[in-house]
Amino acid sequence: MASSYPAAGEGDKYRENIGRAWRGGAPPNYDAVNKLFQQERKTVWPEGSLENRVEKLVKTWEMEMVHHPDEYITIDPTKFIVVLNGTQTYKFEQLGPVGGSYNLFLQTPLPPELRIYDPDKLTEEGSHEIFKTAFPRGFALEVTKVYTDKPDINFQFRHFGYFEGNFMGNPPTGELIEFCGNAVFKIDPDTDLIVKAEFFFDRAQLLAPLIKGRASLGTGSGCPFLA
């Protein structure tokens, strides 16, 4: 039975089994984003603590969702679902057509004419290229608080990166952008794998700082509700 918590020392320092087979061929390279994480994280959790173990699990899970290994070690694909803000639910097989993690988290009920970032029109590769350009040093992830352990791991997360590249025509500001929220990972007691990931967040927290220069450029509203 696989453990939902990555073992210390496996993979890179923060993720488990990075050297396995991946859809893109070569293993993902986290050198740049690990450096950013070490420089700008809020807390250094003691090795082996609950917070440290949850953070490694979350980072390994994110790596799998973004880079698609041949074999998943954090989730049970036959049962896994994602729930966003209590209203949108996706089965594992529905995640691919959505077009990657950015498109997933930036889903919106706004009509197309009011969308500055439209996840319905972007492929997974296209969306990642947009944010890779905006955050050339990467968009790091940390766990800032853990409320409960398994089987329902309740935690706070924080994504962060420096806006140092163009974002869909919007010039960079160089500022540190943060995207925070709460999440619950439900662990199957029989397999010790994640079967449900539920997230609560405000998408405008990410998009608003990336488009606030639009009004001064005469290209439209900087209002986050029109994002």
C-alpha atoms as a PDB file:
ATOM      1  CA  MET A   1       0.000   0.000   0.000  1.00  0.00           C
ATOM      2  CA  ALA A   2       1.447   3.389  -1.001  1.00  0.00           C
ATOM      3  CA  SER A   3       1.773   6.067   1.647  1.00  0.00           C
ATOM      4  CA  SER A   4       0.013   9.355   0.962  1.00  0.00           C
ATOM      5  CA  TYR A   5       2.922  11.143   2.642  1.00  0.00           C
ATOM      6  CA  PRO A   6       6.135  11.278   0.572  1.00  0.00           C
ATOM      7  CA  ALA A   7       9.146   9.777   2.347  1.00  0.00           C
ATOM      8  CA  ALA A   8      12.003  12.123   3.265  1.00  0.00           C
ATOM      9  CA  GLY A   9      14.854  12.081   0.799  1.00  0.00           C
ATOM     10  CA  GLU A  10      12.926  10.638  -2.172  1.00  0.00           C
ATOM     11  CA  GLY A  11      12.783  12.586  -5.438  1.00  0.00           C
ATOM     12  CA  ASP A  12      13.970  16.168  -5.121  1.00  0.00           C
ATOM     13  CA  LYS A  13      14.058  17.724  -1.663  1.00  0.00           C
ATOM     14  CA  TYR A  14      10.370  18.640  -1.709  1.00  0.00           C
ATOM     15  CA  ARG A  15       8.746  16.008  -3.955  1.00  0.00           C
ATOM     16  CA  GLU A  16       8.601  12.231  -4.150  1.00  0.00           C
ATOM     17  CA  ASN A  17       9.906  10.043  -6.966  1.00  0.00           C
ATOM     18  CA  ILE A  18      10.576  12.777  -9.521  1.00  0.00           C
ATOM     19  CA  GLY A  19      12.784  10.409 -11.535  1.00  0.00           C
ATOM     20  CA  ARG A  20       9.948   8.147 -12.745  1.00  0.00           C
ATOM     21  CA  ALA A  21       8.457   8.104 -16.260  1.00  0.00           C
ATOM     22  CA  TRP A  22       6.522  11.229 -17.357  1.00  0.00           C
ATOM     23  CA  ARG A  23       4.292  12.026 -20.299  1.00  0.00           C
ATOM     24  CA  GLY A  24       6.732  14.650 -21.558  1.00  0.00           C
ATOM     25  CA  GLY A  25       9.687  12.268 -21.401  1.00  0.00           C
ATOM     26  CA  ALA A  26      12.241  13.898 -19.117  1.00  0.00           C
ATOM     27  CA  PRO A  27      11.401  14.500 -15.436  1.00  0.00           C
ATOM     28  CA  PRO A  28      10.257  18.042 -14.588  1.00  0.00           C
ATOM     29  CA  ASN A  29      12.945  20.480 -13.433  1.00  0.00           C
ATOM     30  CA  TYR A  30      12.085  22.409 -10.269  1.00  0.00           C
ATOM     31  CA  ASP A  31      15.485  24.049  -9.652  1.00  0.00           C
ATOM     32  CA  ALA A  32      14.307  27.629 -10.311  1.00  0.00           C
ATOM     33  CA  VAL A  33      11.016  27.372  -8.438  1.00  0.00           C
ATOM     34  CA  ASN A  34      12.709  25.581  -5.511  1.00  0.00           C
ATOM     35  CA  LYS A  35      15.109  28.520  -5.216  1.00  0.00           C
ATOM     36  CA  LEU A  36      12.195  30.962  -5.207  1.00  0.00           C
ATOM     37  CA  PHE A  37      10.387  28.804  -2.630  1.00  0.00           C
ATOM     38  CA  GLN A  38      13.407  28.807  -0.321  1.00  0.00           C
ATOM     39  CA  GLN A  39      13.798  32.579  -0.612  1.00  0.00           C
ATOM     40  CA  GLU A  40      10.187  33.687  -0.196  1.00  0.00           C
ATOM     41  CA  ARG A  41       8.350  31.027   1.846  1.00  0.00           C
ATOM     42  CA  LYS A  42       6.723  32.168   5.080  1.00  0.00           C
ATOM     43  CA  THR A  43       7.711  29.190   7.235  1.00  0.00           C
ATOM     44  CA  VAL A  44      10.349  26.456   7.254  1.00  0.00           C
ATOM     45  CA  TRP A  45       8.583  23.443   8.739  1.00  0.00           C
ATOM     46  CA  PRO A  46      10.677  21.004  10.821  1.00  0.00           C
ATOM     47  CA  GLU A  47      11.564  17.851   8.895  1.00  0.00           C
ATOM     48  CA  GLY A  48       9.069  15.091   9.707  1.00  0.00           C
ATOM     49  CA  SER A  49       6.477  17.423  11.221  1.00  0.00           C
ATOM     50  CA  LEU A  50       2.855  17.153  10.109  1.00  0.00           C
ATOM     51  CA  GLU A  51       3.169  20.426   8.199  1.00  0.00           C
ATOM     52  CA  ASN A  52       6.332  19.252   6.451  1.00  0.00           C
ATOM     53  CA  ARG A  53       4.723  15.950   5.444  1.00  0.00           C
ATOM     54  CA  VAL A  54       1.570  17.650   4.165  1.00  0.00           C
ATOM     55  CA  GLU A  55       3.612  20.185   2.194  1.00  0.00           C
ATOM     56  CA  LYS A  56       5.557  17.391   0.487  1.00  0.00           C
ATOM     57  CA  LEU A  57       2.320  15.598  -0.318  1.00  0.00           C
ATOM     58  CA  VAL A  58       0.772  18.748  -1.803  1.00  0.00           C
ATOM     59  CA  LYS A  59       3.865  19.501  -3.894  1.00  0.00           C
ATOM     60  CA  THR A  60       4.046  15.929  -5.173  1.00  0.00           C
ATOM     61  CA  TRP A  61       0.323  15.980  -5.988  1.00  0.00           C
ATOM     62  CA  GLU A  62       0.705  19.276  -7.861  1.00  0.00           C
ATOM     63  CA  MET A  63       3.669  17.874  -9.799  1.00  0.00           C
ATOM     64  CA  GLU A  64       1.552  14.918 -10.900  1.00  0.00           C
ATOM     65  CA  MET A  65      -1.395  17.101 -11.910  1.00  0.00           C
ATOM     66  CA  VAL A  66       0.813  19.403 -14.008  1.00  0.00           C
ATOM     67  CA  HIS A  67       3.289  16.962 -15.573  1.00  0.00           C
ATOM     68  CA  HIS A  68       1.281  13.710 -15.773  1.00  0.00           C
ATOM     69  CA  PRO A  69       3.351  10.671 -14.766  1.00  0.00           C
ATOM     70  CA  ASP A  70       2.839   7.252 -16.286  1.00  0.00           C
ATOM     71  CA  GLU A  71       1.837   6.067 -12.803  1.00  0.00           C
ATOM     72  CA  TYR A  72       0.253   8.246 -10.097  1.00  0.00           C
ATOM     73  CA  ILE A  73       1.412   7.782  -6.502  1.00  0.00           C
ATOM     74  CA  THR A  74      -0.679  10.437  -4.704  1.00  0.00           C
ATOM     75  CA  ILE A  75      -4.168   9.775  -6.090  1.00  0.00           C
ATOM     76  CA  ASP A  76      -6.468   6.925  -7.045  1.00  0.00           C
ATOM     77  CA  PRO A  77      -7.483   7.913 -10.607  1.00  0.00           C
ATOM     78  CA  THR A  78     -10.522   5.613 -10.477  1.00  0.00           C
ATOM     79  CA  LYS A  79     -12.010   7.582  -7.575  1.00  0.00           C
ATOM     80  CA  PHE A  80     -10.325  10.979  -7.651  1.00  0.00           C
ATOM     81  CA  ILE A  81     -12.404  14.173  -7.968  1.00  0.00           C
ATOM     82  CA  VAL A  82     -11.654  17.890  -7.630  1.00  0.00           C
ATOM     83  CA  VAL A  83     -14.210  20.309  -6.142  1.00  0.00           C
ATOM     84  CA  LEU A  84     -13.772  24.074  -6.569  1.00  0.00           C
ATOM     85  CA  ASN A  85     -15.436  26.494  -4.141  1.00  0.00           C
ATOM     86  CA  GLY A  86     -18.131  23.953  -3.385  1.00  0.00           C
ATOM     87  CA  THR A  87     -19.813  24.409  -6.771  1.00  0.00           C
ATOM     88  CA  GLN A  88     -17.767  22.773  -9.533  1.00  0.00           C
ATOM     89  CA  THR A  89     -16.862  19.084  -9.478  1.00  0.00           C
ATOM     90  CA  TYR A  90     -14.524  17.307 -11.895  1.00  0.00           C
ATOM     91  CA  LYS A  91     -13.766  13.615 -12.160  1.00  0.00           C
ATOM     92  CA  PHE A  92     -10.202  12.609 -12.998  1.00  0.00           C
ATOM     93  CA  GLU A  93     -11.065  11.866 -16.631  1.00  0.00           C
ATOM     94  CA  GLN A  94     -12.598  15.350 -16.992  1.00  0.00           C
ATOM     95  CA  LEU A  95      -9.434  17.184 -15.951  1.00  0.00           C
ATOM     96  CA  GLY A  96      -7.609  16.646 -19.236  1.00  0.00           C
ATOM     97  CA  PRO A  97     -10.225  18.362 -21.426  1.00  0.00           C
ATOM     98  CA  VAL A  98     -10.252  21.372 -19.052  1.00  0.00           C
ATOM     99  CA  GLY A  99      -6.687  22.100 -20.147  1.00  0.00           C
ATOM    100  CA  GLY A 100      -4.379  22.003 -17.160  1.00  0.00           C
ATOM    101  CA  SER A 101      -4.204  23.398 -13.655  1.00  0.00           C
ATOM    102  CA  TYR A 102      -4.367  27.104 -14.525  1.00  0.00           C
ATOM    103  CA  ASN A 103      -7.460  26.622 -16.657  1.00  0.00           C
ATOM    104  CA  LEU A 104      -8.998  24.507 -13.904  1.00  0.00           C
ATOM    105  CA  PHE A 105      -8.516  27.090 -11.172  1.00  0.00           C
ATOM    106  CA  LEU A 106      -9.477  30.026 -13.405  1.00  0.00           C
ATOM    107  CA  GLN A 107     -12.856  28.694 -14.531  1.00  0.00           C
ATOM    108  CA  THR A 108     -15.418  31.498 -14.604  1.00  0.00           C
ATOM    109  CA  PRO A 109     -19.167  31.959 -15.144  1.00  0.00           C
ATOM    110  CA  LEU A 110     -18.557  35.318 -16.853  1.00  0.00           C
ATOM    111  CA  PRO A 111     -19.711  35.595 -20.484  1.00  0.00           C
ATOM    112  CA  PRO A 112     -16.854  35.296 -22.999  1.00  0.00           C
ATOM    113  CA  GLU A 113     -16.924  38.997 -23.924  1.00  0.00           C
ATOM    114  CA  LEU A 114     -16.027  39.955 -20.335  1.00  0.00           C
ATOM    115  CA  ARG A 115     -13.161  37.489 -19.917  1.00  0.00           C
ATOM    116  CA  ILE A 116      -9.608  38.789 -20.037  1.00  0.00           C
ATOM    117  CA  TYR A 117      -8.313  35.270 -19.404  1.00  0.00           C
ATOM    118  CA  ASP A 118     -10.623  32.735 -21.027  1.00  0.00           C
ATOM    119  CA  PRO A 119      -9.873  29.135 -19.958  1.00  0.00           C
ATOM    120  CA  ASP A 120     -12.314  27.809 -22.558  1.00  0.00           C
ATOM    121  CA  LYS A 121     -10.084  29.058 -25.385  1.00  0.00           C
ATOM    122  CA  LEU A 122      -6.679  27.969 -24.073  1.00  0.00           C
ATOM    123  CA  THR A 123      -4.996  24.592 -24.285  1.00  0.00           C
ATOM    124  CA  GLU A 124      -2.967  23.207 -21.406  1.00  0.00           C
ATOM    125  CA  GLU A 125       0.266  24.074 -23.203  1.00  0.00           C
ATOM    126  CA  GLY A 126      -0.963  27.575 -24.074  1.00  0.00           C
ATOM    127  CA  SER A 127      -2.081  28.386 -20.543  1.00  0.00           C
ATOM    128  CA  HIS A 128       1.182  27.197 -19.026  1.00  0.00           C
ATOM    129  CA  GLU A 129       3.174  29.243 -21.528  1.00  0.00           C
ATOM    130  CA  ILE A 130       1.227  32.369 -20.537  1.00  0.00           C
ATOM    131  CA  PHE A 131       2.025  31.956 -16.849  1.00  0.00           C
ATOM    132  CA  LYS A 132       5.573  30.736 -17.464  1.00  0.00           C
ATOM    133  CA  THR A 133       6.149  34.020 -19.311  1.00  0.00           C
ATOM    134  CA  ALA A 134       4.545  36.088 -16.559  1.00  0.00           C
ATOM    135  CA  PHE A 135       6.456  34.270 -13.789  1.00  0.00           C
ATOM    136  CA  PRO A 136       9.877  33.392 -15.287  1.00  0.00           C
ATOM    137  CA  ARG A 137      11.179  32.271 -11.891  1.00  0.00           C
ATOM    138  CA  GLY A 138       8.169  30.030 -11.420  1.00  0.00           C
ATOM    139  CA  PHE A 139       5.035  30.113  -9.279  1.00  0.00           C
ATOM    140  CA  ALA A 140       6.016  28.487  -5.993  1.00  0.00           C
ATOM    141  CA  LEU A 141       3.704  26.651  -3.615  1.00  0.00           C
ATOM    142  CA  GLU A 142       3.814  26.289   0.154  1.00  0.00           C
ATOM    143  CA  VAL A 143       1.528  25.055   2.908  1.00  0.00           C
ATOM    144  CA  THR A 144       1.088  27.805   5.495  1.00  0.00           C
ATOM    145  CA  LYS A 145      -1.103  25.997   8.022  1.00  0.00           C
ATOM    146  CA  VAL A 146      -2.418  22.491   8.670  1.00  0.00           C
ATOM    147  CA  TYR A 147      -5.624  22.118  10.671  1.00  0.00           C
ATOM    148  CA  THR A 148      -6.186  18.354  10.590  1.00  0.00           C
ATOM    149  CA  ASP A 149      -4.334  15.177   9.644  1.00  0.00           C
ATOM    150  CA  LYS A 150      -5.679  12.201   7.683  1.00  0.00           C
ATOM    151  CA  PRO A 151      -8.197  11.084   6.626  1.00  0.00           C
ATOM    152  CA  ASP A 152      -9.340  14.660   5.858  1.00  0.00           C
ATOM    153  CA  ILE A 153      -6.224  16.842   5.592  1.00  0.00           C
ATOM    154  CA  ASN A 154      -7.383  20.447   5.955  1.00  0.00           C
ATOM    155  CA  PHE A 155      -4.735  23.065   5.147  1.00  0.00           C
ATOM    156  CA  GLN A 156      -4.008  26.564   3.901  1.00  0.00           C
ATOM    157  CA  PHE A 157      -1.888  27.044   0.783  1.00  0.00           C
ATOM    158  CA  ARG A 158      -0.011  29.953  -0.745  1.00  0.00           C
ATOM    159  CA  HIS A 159       1.175  30.253  -4.350  1.00  0.00           C
ATOM    160  CA  PHE A 160       3.607  33.079  -5.085  1.00  0.00           C
ATOM    161  CA  GLY A 161       5.841  34.417  -7.832  1.00  0.00           C
ATOM    162  CA  TYR A 162       7.388  37.613  -9.176  1.00  0.00           C
ATOM    163  CA  PHE A 163       5.475  39.216 -12.042  1.00  0.00           C
ATOM    164  CA  GLU A 164       8.511  39.835 -14.249  1.00  0.00           C
ATOM    165  CA  GLY A 165       7.186  38.989 -17.717  1.00  0.00           C
ATOM    166  CA  ASN A 166       4.352  40.018 -20.006  1.00  0.00           C
ATOM    167  CA  PHE A 167       0.882  38.675 -19.179  1.00  0.00           C
ATOM    168  CA  MET A 168      -1.378  38.649 -22.236  1.00  0.00           C
ATOM    169  CA  GLY A 169      -0.306  42.142 -23.270  1.00  0.00           C
ATOM    170  CA  ASN A 170      -0.043  43.505 -19.738  1.00  0.00           C
ATOM    171  CA  PRO A 171       3.462  44.718 -18.809  1.00  0.00           C
ATOM    172  CA  PRO A 172       5.230  43.267 -15.758  1.00  0.00           C
ATOM    173  CA  THR A 173       5.382  45.181 -12.483  1.00  0.00           C
ATOM    174  CA  GLY A 174       8.082  43.143 -10.774  1.00  0.00           C
ATOM    175  CA  GLU A 175       5.928  42.734  -7.673  1.00  0.00           C
ATOM    176  CA  LEU A 176       5.418  39.532  -5.718  1.00  0.00           C
ATOM    177  CA  ILE A 177       1.999  38.079  -6.570  1.00  0.00           C
ATOM    178  CA  GLU A 178       0.273  35.800  -4.060  1.00  0.00           C
ATOM    179  CA  PHE A 179      -2.638  33.418  -4.531  1.00  0.00           C
ATOM    180  CA  CYS A 180      -3.899  31.844  -1.293  1.00  0.00           C
ATOM    181  CA  GLY A 181      -6.710  29.579  -0.227  1.00  0.00           C
ATOM    182  CA  ASN A 182      -7.879  26.605   1.787  1.00  0.00           C
ATOM    183  CA  ALA A 183      -8.006  22.970   0.731  1.00  0.00           C
ATOM    184  CA  VAL A 184      -9.030  19.550   1.991  1.00  0.00           C
ATOM    185  CA  PHE A 185      -7.463  16.320   0.753  1.00  0.00           C
ATOM    186  CA  LYS A 186      -9.634  13.301   1.524  1.00  0.00           C
ATOM    187  CA  ILE A 187      -7.547  10.133   1.933  1.00  0.00           C
ATOM    188  CA  ASP A 188      -8.937   6.651   1.290  1.00  0.00           C
ATOM    189  CA  PRO A 189      -8.108   4.647   4.461  1.00  0.00           C
ATOM    190  CA  ASP A 190      -7.738   1.434   2.460  1.00  0.00           C
ATOM    191  CA  THR A 191      -5.267   2.710  -0.159  1.00  0.00           C
ATOM    192  CA  ASP A 192      -3.844   5.785   1.640  1.00  0.00           C
ATOM    193  CA  LEU A 193      -4.326   7.731  -1.603  1.00  0.00           C
ATOM    194  CA  ILE A 194      -6.144  11.007  -2.289  1.00  0.00           C
ATOM    195  CA  VAL A 195      -9.671  10.467  -3.601  1.00  0.00           C
ATOM    196  CA  LYS A 196     -10.966  14.033  -3.284  1.00  0.00           C
ATOM    197  CA  ALA A 197      -9.278  17.448  -3.408  1.00  0.00           C
ATOM    198  CA  GLU A 198     -11.476  20.380  -2.461  1.00  0.00           C
ATOM    199  CA  PHE A 199     -10.289  23.986  -2.854  1.00  0.00           C
ATOM    200  CA  PHE A 200     -11.648  27.338  -1.687  1.00  0.00           C
ATOM    201  CA  PHE A 201     -10.137  30.496  -3.201  1.00  0.00           C
ATOM    202  CA  ASP A 202     -10.771  33.785  -5.033  1.00  0.00           C
ATOM    203  CA  ARG A 203      -9.470  33.717  -8.616  1.00  0.00           C
ATOM    204  CA  ALA A 204      -9.383  37.525  -8.688  1.00  0.00           C
ATOM    205  CA  GLN A 205      -6.534  37.460  -6.163  1.00  0.00           C
ATOM    206  CA  LEU A 206      -4.319  36.054  -8.913  1.00  0.00           C
ATOM    207  CA  LEU A 207      -5.693  37.856 -11.949  1.00  0.00           C
ATOM    208  CA  ALA A 208      -6.263  41.374 -10.581  1.00  0.00           C
ATOM    209  CA  PRO A 209      -2.548  42.208 -10.005  1.00  0.00           C
ATOM    210  CA  LEU A 210      -1.706  40.865 -13.475  1.00  0.00           C
ATOM    211  CA  ILE A 211      -4.141  43.164 -15.295  1.00  0.00           C
ATOM    212  CA  LYS A 212      -4.166  46.320 -13.152  1.00  0.00           C
ATOM    213  CA  GLY A 213      -2.162  48.211 -15.779  1.00  0.00           C
ATOM    214  CA  ARG A 214      -4.846  47.782 -18.445  1.00  0.00           C
ATOM    215  CA  ALA A 215      -6.736  50.973 -17.596  1.00  0.00           C
ATOM    216  CA  SER A 216      -3.618  53.133 -17.826  1.00  0.00           C
ATOM    217  CA  LEU A 217      -2.799  51.517 -21.174  1.00  0.00           C
ATOM    218  CA  GLY A 218      -6.270  52.317 -22.466  1.00  0.00           C
ATOM    219  CA  THR A 219      -7.026  48.649 -23.116  1.00  0.00           C
ATOM    220  CA  GLY A 220     -10.009  48.116 -20.895  1.00  0.00           C
ATOM    221  CA  SER A 221     -11.012  47.842 -17.273  1.00  0.00           C
ATOM    222  CA  GLY A 222      -8.621  46.785 -14.518  1.00  0.00           C
ATOM    223  CA  CYS A 223     -11.541  45.505 -12.467  1.00  0.00           C
ATOM    224  CA  PRO A 224     -10.935  41.943 -11.289  1.00  0.00           C
ATOM    225  CA  PHE A 225     -14.587  41.085 -11.917  1.00  0.00           C
ATOM    226  CA  LEU A 226     -13.904  41.514 -15.631  1.00  0.00           C
ATOM    227  CA  ALA A 227     -11.167  38.888 -15.562  1.00  0.00           C
END
